[in-house]
Each structure stands twice: as C-alpha cells, then as structure tokens.
C-alpha cells in the first residue's frame, strides 16, 4: 500500500515555490518598497499571509475573508461554531484585528 503525504526531510522541495511570496514580500519590505493586498474572496492558510505581510490591505465587504483555518477547522479543534464573516471577514479585520486598512463596498 502506498503512503500518502510528504517525506518530512524533503518539505523544502515541496513548499519552496509556495513560500516564494513570503521571501519576496520580506525582501521588498527590506528595500522600502511598499506592498498592497486586495482581498476579494477567501484567503486561507498560506494565502492569509499575503495581506498580513503587506503594508496596506483592502478588503471587499461581505466577500473578503482571511484566516489561517476556517470555520470547519475551528469547529473540529474547539467545538465552536462560527461563521466565516465573524471569524475573518472584512469588518472583523477592520474593527478588531486591524489587518484591513480599507473596506471597499464592491470590486
């Protein structure tokens, strides 16, 4: 039977391309180059880091959501039932976390 998954000592080879955005954003920041993220939909897990590492972020109201783990993961881990908007929607990030610098009414 074949095992699914990634051989842990080779994670660098698997995630290298996906981690490029972290490197690029960090290097641009080091050089004083500002970055802006515009969030139109759901940005989960690795996608959540782009707006978090950007200097400025714009979220589209009732569409944008940013979280490391979405509502199903929260329910599985803690038993709490929470909606995507409450967990990581534009209003949550504009008024509570400070991640959203601007809320756009539409695209």
Protein backbone atom coordinates (compact mmCIF):
# COMPACT_ATOMS: atom_id res chain seq x y z
CA UNK A 1 0.00 0.00 0.00
CA UNK A 2 1.37 3.39 -0.99
CA UNK A 3 1.52 6.06 1.71
CA UNK A 4 0.16 9.50 1.03
CA UNK A 5 1.93 12.53 2.33
CA UNK A 6 5.28 14.26 2.26
CA UNK A 7 8.58 12.85 3.46
CA UNK A 8 9.35 15.44 6.15
CA UNK A 9 13.07 15.91 5.40
CA UNK A 10 12.05 16.96 1.87
CA UNK A 11 9.46 19.60 2.83
CA UNK A 12 11.73 22.31 1.48
CA UNK A 13 11.37 20.87 -2.02
CA UNK A 14 7.58 20.69 -1.73
CA UNK A 15 6.86 24.12 -0.25
CA UNK A 16 9.69 26.11 -1.79
CA UNK A 17 7.64 27.62 -4.65
CA UNK A 18 4.70 28.41 -2.37
CA UNK A 19 6.96 30.16 0.12
CA UNK A 20 8.41 32.45 -2.52
CA UNK A 21 5.80 35.13 -1.78
CA UNK A 22 6.97 35.34 1.85
CA UNK A 23 10.54 35.82 0.69
CA UNK A 24 9.59 38.36 -1.96
CA UNK A 25 7.43 40.43 0.39
CA UNK A 26 10.14 40.39 3.06
CA UNK A 27 12.82 41.47 0.60
CA UNK A 28 10.64 44.24 -0.82
CA UNK A 29 9.93 45.48 2.68
CA UNK A 30 13.64 45.47 3.46
CA UNK A 31 14.23 47.63 0.38
CA UNK A 32 11.50 50.07 1.43
CA UNK A 33 9.14 49.02 -1.38
CA UNK A 34 5.55 49.21 -0.17
CA UNK A 35 3.04 46.48 -0.98
CA UNK A 36 -0.74 46.39 -1.10
CA UNK A 37 -3.01 43.35 -0.93
CA UNK A 38 -6.57 43.45 -2.20
CA UNK A 39 -8.70 40.65 -0.83
CA UNK A 40 -11.71 39.74 -2.99
CA UNK A 41 -12.60 36.35 -1.53
CA UNK A 42 -11.36 33.77 0.92
CA UNK A 43 -7.64 33.75 1.75
CA UNK A 44 -6.97 30.75 3.93
CA UNK A 45 -3.78 29.25 5.36
CA UNK A 46 -0.75 30.38 3.31
CA UNK A 47 -2.92 32.85 1.40
CA UNK A 48 -3.63 34.67 4.65
CA UNK A 49 -0.01 35.72 4.97
CA UNK A 50 -0.02 37.94 1.89
CA UNK A 51 -2.37 40.59 3.35
CA UNK A 52 -0.72 40.15 6.75
CA UNK A 53 2.74 40.88 5.35
CA UNK A 54 1.59 43.75 3.13
CA UNK A 55 1.88 47.38 4.13
CA UNK A 56 -1.69 48.15 3.16
CA UNK A 57 -4.70 45.92 2.62
CA UNK A 58 -8.11 46.48 1.10
CA UNK A 59 -10.94 44.03 1.82
CA UNK A 60 -14.16 43.79 -0.19
CA UNK A 61 -17.16 43.96 2.14
CA UNK A 62 -19.13 40.70 2.51
CA UNK A 63 -16.65 38.87 0.23
CA UNK A 64 -13.16 39.06 1.74
CA UNK A 65 -12.18 36.59 4.43
CA UNK A 66 -8.71 35.99 5.85
CA UNK A 67 -7.90 33.26 8.36
CA UNK A 68 -5.31 30.58 8.95
CA UNK A 69 -8.02 27.97 9.50
CA UNK A 70 -11.65 28.43 8.51
CA UNK A 71 -14.86 27.65 10.36
CA UNK A 72 -14.68 23.87 9.79
CA UNK A 73 -11.22 23.72 11.37
CA UNK A 74 -12.33 25.86 14.31
CA UNK A 75 -15.30 23.54 14.88
CA UNK A 76 -13.13 20.45 14.67
CA UNK A 77 -10.44 21.83 17.00
CA UNK A 78 -12.56 23.61 19.59
CA UNK A 79 -16.18 22.64 19.01
CA UNK A 80 -17.08 26.30 18.45
CA UNK A 81 -19.42 27.09 15.57
CA UNK A 82 -18.52 30.39 13.93
CA UNK A 83 -19.26 31.89 10.54
CA UNK A 84 -16.59 32.91 8.05
CA UNK A 85 -17.51 36.59 8.24
CA UNK A 86 -17.32 36.68 12.02
CA UNK A 87 -14.08 34.70 12.07
CA UNK A 88 -12.18 36.62 9.42
CA UNK A 89 -14.39 38.88 7.34
CA UNK A 90 -13.70 42.46 6.33
CA UNK A 91 -15.50 44.02 9.30
CA UNK A 92 -13.69 41.77 11.79
CA UNK A 93 -10.30 42.69 10.34
CA UNK A 94 -11.15 46.39 10.08
CA UNK A 95 -12.55 46.80 13.60
CA UNK A 96 -10.92 44.11 15.74
CA UNK A 97 -7.62 42.83 14.33
CA UNK A 98 -6.51 45.87 12.35
CA UNK A 99 -5.48 43.78 9.35
CA UNK A 100 -7.84 45.57 6.95
CA UNK A 101 -6.84 49.15 6.28
CA UNK A 102 -9.75 49.88 3.95
CA UNK A 103 -13.09 48.26 3.19
CA UNK A 104 -14.35 48.52 -0.38
CA UNK A 105 -18.08 48.24 -0.99
CA UNK A 106 -17.51 46.18 -4.14
CA UNK A 107 -14.78 45.13 -6.52
